[in-house]
Amino acid sequence: MKNINIQKVANVISIFVVFALVLVPLLAGAQFRTPSGGPVGNVSNVTELIMRFIQILLAVAGLVAVIFLIIGGFRYITAGGNEETAESAKKTVTNAIIGIVIVILAFVIVRVISNALITQEV
């Protein structure tokens, strides 16, 4: 009975942390906009707009992967000797690390391709 209550509390705390980690950057991001820039800033061409959009998507994907890493680590710590929960948490951590690596590699690939395209345009 006590294990179920701890798991419910852990789930509620995890959900709260996820929402806090998602909402805080959105609230703080309003301070970094320039008055004349608008919602996407000063974009001079379509290429820059697409690059910003891709960077935002990669940042969100990286944030989600880090959140899953935190949740998996928290579940592993609070497994309390339960092998099934510990194995599930290990899989979550492993998949989150794979996700982080994929996001980093995607960011590098996008940067290399965008640099090649931008230098060819000029």
N, C-alpha and C. Protein backbone atom coordinates (compact mmCIF):
# COMPACT_ATOMS: atom_id res chain seq x y z
N MET A 1 0.82 -1.19 0.00
CA MET A 1 0.00 0.00 0.00
C MET A 1 0.87 1.26 0.00
N LYS A 2 1.93 1.22 0.78
CA LYS A 2 2.80 2.39 0.86
C LYS A 2 3.53 2.62 -0.47
N ASN A 3 3.88 1.55 -1.19
CA ASN A 3 4.55 1.66 -2.47
C ASN A 3 3.69 2.38 -3.50
N ILE A 4 2.39 2.12 -3.49
CA ILE A 4 1.47 2.76 -4.43
C ILE A 4 1.40 4.26 -4.14
N ASN A 5 1.34 4.65 -2.89
CA ASN A 5 1.29 6.07 -2.55
C ASN A 5 2.56 6.79 -2.95
N ILE A 6 3.70 6.18 -2.77
CA ILE A 6 4.97 6.79 -3.15
C ILE A 6 5.02 6.94 -4.67
N GLN A 7 4.52 5.94 -5.38
CA GLN A 7 4.54 6.01 -6.84
C GLN A 7 3.59 7.11 -7.33
N LYS A 8 2.44 7.27 -6.71
CA LYS A 8 1.52 8.34 -7.10
C LYS A 8 2.14 9.71 -6.83
N VAL A 9 2.79 9.85 -5.70
CA VAL A 9 3.44 11.11 -5.38
C VAL A 9 4.57 11.39 -6.37
N ALA A 10 5.32 10.36 -6.72
CA ALA A 10 6.41 10.53 -7.69
C ALA A 10 5.87 10.93 -9.05
N ASN A 11 4.75 10.35 -9.46
CA ASN A 11 4.15 10.72 -10.74
C ASN A 11 3.65 12.16 -10.74
N VAL A 12 3.04 12.58 -9.65
CA VAL A 12 2.55 13.95 -9.56
C VAL A 12 3.72 14.93 -9.58
N ILE A 13 4.77 14.63 -8.85
CA ILE A 13 5.94 15.50 -8.83
C ILE A 13 6.59 15.54 -10.21
N SER A 14 6.66 14.40 -10.89
CA SER A 14 7.24 14.36 -12.24
C SER A 14 6.44 15.23 -13.20
N ILE A 15 5.13 15.14 -13.13
CA ILE A 15 4.29 15.95 -14.01
C ILE A 15 4.48 17.43 -13.71
N PHE A 16 4.54 17.80 -12.44
CA PHE A 16 4.76 19.19 -12.06
C PHE A 16 6.10 19.70 -12.56
N VAL A 17 7.14 18.89 -12.42
CA VAL A 17 8.47 19.30 -12.87
C VAL A 17 8.50 19.47 -14.38
N VAL A 18 7.84 18.57 -15.11
CA VAL A 18 7.81 18.68 -16.57
C VAL A 18 7.13 19.98 -16.98
N PHE A 19 5.97 20.27 -16.40
CA PHE A 19 5.28 21.51 -16.75
C PHE A 19 6.11 22.74 -16.36
N ALA A 20 6.77 22.69 -15.22
CA ALA A 20 7.60 23.82 -14.80
C ALA A 20 8.76 24.03 -15.77
N LEU A 21 9.40 22.93 -16.18
CA LEU A 21 10.53 23.05 -17.10
C LEU A 21 10.11 23.51 -18.49
N VAL A 22 8.87 23.25 -18.85
CA VAL A 22 8.39 23.69 -20.16
C VAL A 22 7.93 25.15 -20.10
N LEU A 23 7.27 25.54 -19.03
CA LEU A 23 6.68 26.87 -18.96
C LEU A 23 7.67 27.97 -18.59
N VAL A 24 8.64 27.69 -17.78
CA VAL A 24 9.58 28.72 -17.33
C VAL A 24 10.36 29.34 -18.49
N PRO A 25 10.91 28.55 -19.42
CA PRO A 25 11.61 29.19 -20.54
C PRO A 25 10.67 30.01 -21.42
N LEU A 26 9.42 29.59 -21.55
CA LEU A 26 8.48 30.37 -22.35
C LEU A 26 8.20 31.72 -21.71
N LEU A 27 8.08 31.73 -20.40
CA LEU A 27 7.85 32.99 -19.71
C LEU A 27 9.08 33.90 -19.76
N ALA A 28 10.25 33.31 -19.61
CA ALA A 28 11.47 34.10 -19.63
C ALA A 28 11.83 34.55 -21.04
N GLY A 29 11.38 33.81 -22.05
CA GLY A 29 11.70 34.15 -23.44
C GLY A 29 11.12 35.48 -23.87
N ALA A 30 10.06 35.93 -23.23
CA ALA A 30 9.44 37.20 -23.61
C ALA A 30 10.39 38.37 -23.35
N GLN A 31 11.31 38.24 -22.45
CA GLN A 31 12.22 39.32 -22.11
C GLN A 31 13.31 39.50 -23.18
N PHE A 32 13.53 38.51 -24.03
CA PHE A 32 14.62 38.57 -24.98
C PHE A 32 14.19 39.07 -26.36
N ARG A 33 12.93 39.32 -26.57
CA ARG A 33 12.46 39.81 -27.86
C ARG A 33 12.74 41.30 -28.00
N THR A 34 13.08 41.69 -29.20
CA THR A 34 13.25 43.11 -29.47
C THR A 34 11.91 43.69 -29.88
N PRO A 35 11.63 44.94 -29.56
CA PRO A 35 10.32 45.51 -29.87
C PRO A 35 9.99 45.51 -31.35
N SER A 36 10.97 45.73 -32.22
CA SER A 36 10.70 45.77 -33.65
C SER A 36 10.84 44.41 -34.31
N GLY A 37 11.30 43.43 -33.56
CA GLY A 37 11.59 42.14 -34.17
C GLY A 37 10.38 41.29 -34.45
N GLY A 38 9.32 41.40 -33.69
CA GLY A 38 8.17 40.55 -33.88
C GLY A 38 8.42 39.18 -33.27
N PRO A 39 7.53 38.23 -33.54
CA PRO A 39 7.65 36.92 -32.91
C PRO A 39 8.82 36.09 -33.40
N VAL A 40 9.31 36.32 -34.61
CA VAL A 40 10.43 35.53 -35.11
C VAL A 40 11.71 36.33 -35.22
N GLY A 41 11.70 37.56 -34.77
CA GLY A 41 12.91 38.38 -34.82
C GLY A 41 13.08 39.00 -36.19
N ASN A 42 14.28 39.47 -36.46
CA ASN A 42 14.59 40.08 -37.75
C ASN A 42 15.06 39.01 -38.73
N VAL A 43 14.15 38.50 -39.53
CA VAL A 43 14.48 37.47 -40.50
C VAL A 43 14.51 38.11 -41.88
N SER A 44 15.66 38.00 -42.54
CA SER A 44 15.80 38.68 -43.83
C SER A 44 15.40 37.81 -45.01
N ASN A 45 15.46 36.48 -44.85
CA ASN A 45 15.04 35.62 -45.95
C ASN A 45 14.42 34.33 -45.42
N VAL A 46 13.93 33.54 -46.34
CA VAL A 46 13.24 32.30 -45.96
C VAL A 46 14.20 31.29 -45.35
N THR A 47 15.43 31.28 -45.80
CA THR A 47 16.41 30.33 -45.28
C THR A 47 16.62 30.53 -43.78
N GLU A 48 16.75 31.78 -43.36
CA GLU A 48 16.94 32.05 -41.93
C GLU A 48 15.71 31.65 -41.14
N LEU A 49 14.52 31.88 -41.70
CA LEU A 49 13.29 31.50 -41.01
C LEU A 49 13.22 29.98 -40.82
N ILE A 50 13.55 29.25 -41.86
CA ILE A 50 13.54 27.79 -41.77
C ILE A 50 14.58 27.31 -40.76
N MET A 51 15.77 27.92 -40.77
CA MET A 51 16.81 27.52 -39.82
C MET A 51 16.39 27.78 -38.38
N ARG A 52 15.74 28.92 -38.14
CA ARG A 52 15.26 29.19 -36.78
C ARG A 52 14.20 28.19 -36.36
N PHE A 53 13.32 27.85 -37.28
CA PHE A 53 12.27 26.88 -36.97
C PHE A 53 12.88 25.52 -36.62
N ILE A 54 13.86 25.08 -37.40
CA ILE A 54 14.53 23.80 -37.14
C ILE A 54 15.28 23.85 -35.82
N GLN A 55 15.93 24.96 -35.51
CA GLN A 55 16.64 25.08 -34.23
C GLN A 55 15.68 25.02 -33.05
N ILE A 56 14.51 25.65 -33.20
CA ILE A 56 13.52 25.60 -32.12
C ILE A 56 13.02 24.18 -31.93
N LEU A 57 12.75 23.47 -33.04
CA LEU A 57 12.30 22.08 -32.93
C LEU A 57 13.36 21.20 -32.28
N LEU A 58 14.62 21.40 -32.64
CA LEU A 58 15.69 20.61 -32.03
C LEU A 58 15.84 20.94 -30.54
N ALA A 59 15.66 22.20 -30.18
CA ALA A 59 15.74 22.58 -28.77
C ALA A 59 14.61 21.93 -27.97
N VAL A 60 13.42 21.91 -28.53
CA VAL A 60 12.29 21.27 -27.84
C VAL A 60 12.53 19.76 -27.72
N ALA A 61 13.03 19.14 -28.79
CA ALA A 61 13.32 17.71 -28.74
C ALA A 61 14.40 17.40 -27.69
N GLY A 62 15.42 18.25 -27.62
CA GLY A 62 16.46 18.06 -26.60
C GLY A 62 15.91 18.24 -25.20
N LEU A 63 15.01 19.21 -25.02
CA LEU A 63 14.39 19.42 -23.71
C LEU A 63 13.56 18.21 -23.30
N VAL A 64 12.82 17.66 -24.23
CA VAL A 64 12.01 16.47 -23.93
C VAL A 64 12.90 15.30 -23.56
N ALA A 65 14.01 15.12 -24.28
CA ALA A 65 14.93 14.02 -23.98
C ALA A 65 15.55 14.18 -22.59
N VAL A 66 15.91 15.40 -22.24
CA VAL A 66 16.47 15.64 -20.90
C VAL A 66 15.42 15.40 -19.82
N ILE A 67 14.18 15.79 -20.09
CA ILE A 67 13.11 15.55 -19.11
C ILE A 67 12.91 14.04 -18.91
N PHE A 68 12.93 13.28 -20.01
CA PHE A 68 12.80 11.83 -19.88
C PHE A 68 13.99 11.23 -19.13
N LEU A 69 15.17 11.80 -19.31
CA LEU A 69 16.35 11.33 -18.57
C LEU A 69 16.16 11.57 -17.07
N ILE A 70 15.64 12.72 -16.72
CA ILE A 70 15.40 13.04 -15.31
C ILE A 70 14.32 12.12 -14.73
N ILE A 71 13.24 11.92 -15.48
CA ILE A 71 12.16 11.06 -15.00
C ILE A 71 12.64 9.63 -14.84
N GLY A 72 13.40 9.13 -15.80
CA GLY A 72 13.94 7.77 -15.70
C GLY A 72 14.87 7.61 -14.51
N GLY A 73 15.72 8.61 -14.29
CA GLY A 73 16.61 8.55 -13.13
C GLY A 73 15.85 8.59 -11.82
N PHE A 74 14.81 9.42 -11.77
CA PHE A 74 13.99 9.50 -10.56
C PHE A 74 13.27 8.18 -10.30
N ARG A 75 12.75 7.58 -11.36
CA ARG A 75 12.05 6.29 -11.19
C ARG A 75 13.02 5.19 -10.79
N TYR A 76 14.25 5.25 -11.30
CA TYR A 76 15.24 4.24 -10.92
C TYR A 76 15.62 4.38 -9.45
N ILE A 77 15.76 5.61 -9.01
CA ILE A 77 16.11 5.83 -7.61
C ILE A 77 14.99 5.39 -6.68
N THR A 78 13.74 5.63 -7.10
CA THR A 78 12.60 5.31 -6.24
C THR A 78 12.03 3.92 -6.52
N ALA A 79 12.75 3.07 -7.23
CA ALA A 79 12.24 1.73 -7.54
C ALA A 79 12.07 0.89 -6.29
N GLY A 80 12.88 1.09 -5.30
CA GLY A 80 12.72 0.40 -4.03
C GLY A 80 12.89 -1.10 -4.12
N GLY A 81 13.79 -1.58 -4.97
CA GLY A 81 14.05 -3.01 -5.06
C GLY A 81 13.14 -3.74 -6.02
N ASN A 82 12.17 -3.08 -6.60
CA ASN A 82 11.28 -3.70 -7.57
C ASN A 82 12.02 -3.82 -8.90
N GLU A 83 12.27 -5.06 -9.32
CA GLU A 83 13.08 -5.30 -10.52
C GLU A 83 12.41 -4.78 -11.79
N GLU A 84 11.09 -4.95 -11.90
CA GLU A 84 10.39 -4.51 -13.11
C GLU A 84 10.46 -2.99 -13.26
N THR A 85 10.26 -2.28 -12.15
CA THR A 85 10.33 -0.82 -12.19
C THR A 85 11.74 -0.35 -12.50
N ALA A 86 12.72 -1.03 -11.92
CA ALA A 86 14.12 -0.66 -12.17
C ALA A 86 14.49 -0.90 -13.63
N GLU A 87 14.05 -2.02 -14.21
CA GLU A 87 14.35 -2.29 -15.61
C GLU A 87 13.66 -1.29 -16.52
N SER A 88 12.43 -0.94 -16.20
CA SER A 88 11.71 0.06 -16.98
C SER A 88 12.41 1.42 -16.91
N ALA A 89 12.88 1.76 -15.73
CA ALA A 89 13.60 3.03 -15.57
C ALA A 89 14.92 3.01 -16.33
N LYS A 90 15.62 1.87 -16.32
CA LYS A 90 16.87 1.77 -17.07
C LYS A 90 16.63 1.95 -18.57
N LYS A 91 15.54 1.35 -19.06
CA LYS A 91 15.21 1.50 -20.48
C LYS A 91 14.88 2.96 -20.80
N THR A 92 14.18 3.63 -19.88
CA THR A 92 13.85 5.04 -20.10
C THR A 92 15.12 5.88 -20.16
N VAL A 93 16.05 5.64 -19.25
CA VAL A 93 17.31 6.39 -19.24
C VAL A 93 18.11 6.10 -20.50
N THR A 94 18.18 4.85 -20.90
CA THR A 94 18.92 4.48 -22.11
C THR A 94 18.33 5.16 -23.34
N ASN A 95 17.01 5.10 -23.47
CA ASN A 95 16.36 5.72 -24.61
C ASN A 95 16.50 7.24 -24.59
N ALA A 96 16.49 7.84 -23.40
CA ALA A 96 16.68 9.29 -23.30
C ALA A 96 18.09 9.68 -23.73
N ILE A 97 19.08 8.90 -23.36
CA ILE A 97 20.46 9.19 -23.76
C ILE A 97 20.60 9.05 -25.28
N ILE A 98 19.98 8.01 -25.85
CA ILE A 98 19.99 7.85 -27.30
C ILE A 98 19.32 9.05 -27.97
N GLY A 99 18.22 9.52 -27.40
CA GLY A 99 17.53 10.69 -27.94
C GLY A 99 18.39 11.94 -27.89
N ILE A 100 19.11 12.14 -26.80
CA ILE A 100 19.99 13.30 -26.68
C ILE A 100 21.10 13.24 -27.72
N VAL A 101 21.67 12.06 -27.92
CA VAL A 101 22.72 11.91 -28.93
C VAL A 101 22.17 12.20 -30.33
N ILE A 102 20.96 11.71 -30.62
CA ILE A 102 20.35 11.96 -31.93
C ILE A 102 20.10 13.45 -32.13
N VAL A 103 19.62 14.12 -31.10
CA VAL A 103 19.35 15.56 -31.21
C VAL A 103 20.65 16.32 -31.45
N ILE A 104 21.70 15.97 -30.75
CA ILE A 104 22.99 16.65 -30.94
C ILE A 104 23.52 16.41 -32.35
N LEU A 105 23.44 15.18 -32.82
CA LEU A 105 23.90 14.88 -34.18
C LEU A 105 23.04 15.59 -35.22
N ALA A 106 21.74 15.66 -34.99
CA ALA A 106 20.86 16.37 -35.93
C ALA A 106 21.21 17.85 -35.96
N PHE A 107 21.51 18.42 -34.80
CA PHE A 107 21.90 19.83 -34.74
C PHE A 107 23.17 20.07 -35.54
N VAL A 108 24.15 19.19 -35.39
CA VAL A 108 25.42 19.34 -36.12
C VAL A 108 25.18 19.19 -37.62
N ILE A 109 24.38 18.21 -38.02
CA ILE A 109 24.11 18.01 -39.44
C ILE A 109 23.40 19.21 -40.04
N VAL A 110 22.42 19.74 -39.32
CA VAL A 110 21.70 20.93 -39.81
C VAL A 110 22.64 22.11 -39.93
N ARG A 111 23.53 22.29 -38.97
CA ARG A 111 24.51 23.40 -39.04
C ARG A 111 25.43 23.25 -40.26
N VAL A 112 25.93 22.06 -40.49
CA VAL A 112 26.84 21.84 -41.61
C VAL A 112 26.12 22.09 -42.94
N ILE A 113 24.92 21.56 -43.07
CA ILE A 113 24.16 21.74 -44.31
C ILE A 113 23.78 23.21 -44.50
N SER A 114 23.37 23.86 -43.43
CA SER A 114 22.99 25.28 -43.57
C SER A 114 24.19 26.15 -43.92
N ASN A 115 25.34 25.87 -43.34
CA ASN A 115 26.54 26.62 -43.70
C ASN A 115 26.92 26.40 -45.16
N ALA A 116 26.76 25.17 -45.63
CA ALA A 116 27.06 24.88 -47.04
C ALA A 116 26.08 25.59 -47.96
N LEU A 117 24.81 25.62 -47.59
CA LEU A 117 23.82 26.28 -48.44
C LEU A 117 23.97 27.80 -48.42
N ILE A 118 24.26 28.35 -47.27
CA ILE A 118 24.39 29.80 -47.17
C ILE A 118 25.62 30.29 -47.92
N THR A 119 26.72 29.55 -47.84
CA THR A 119 27.91 29.99 -48.56
C THR A 119 27.75 29.83 -50.06
N GLN A 120 26.90 28.91 -50.51
CA GLN A 120 26.65 28.75 -51.95
C GLN A 120 25.73 29.83 -52.48
N GLU A 121 24.83 30.35 -51.63
CA GLU A 121 23.91 31.39 -52.07
C GLU A 121 24.64 32.70 -52.37
N VAL A 122 25.63 33.04 -51.56
CA VAL A 122 26.30 34.33 -51.68
C VAL A 122 27.30 34.36 -52.77
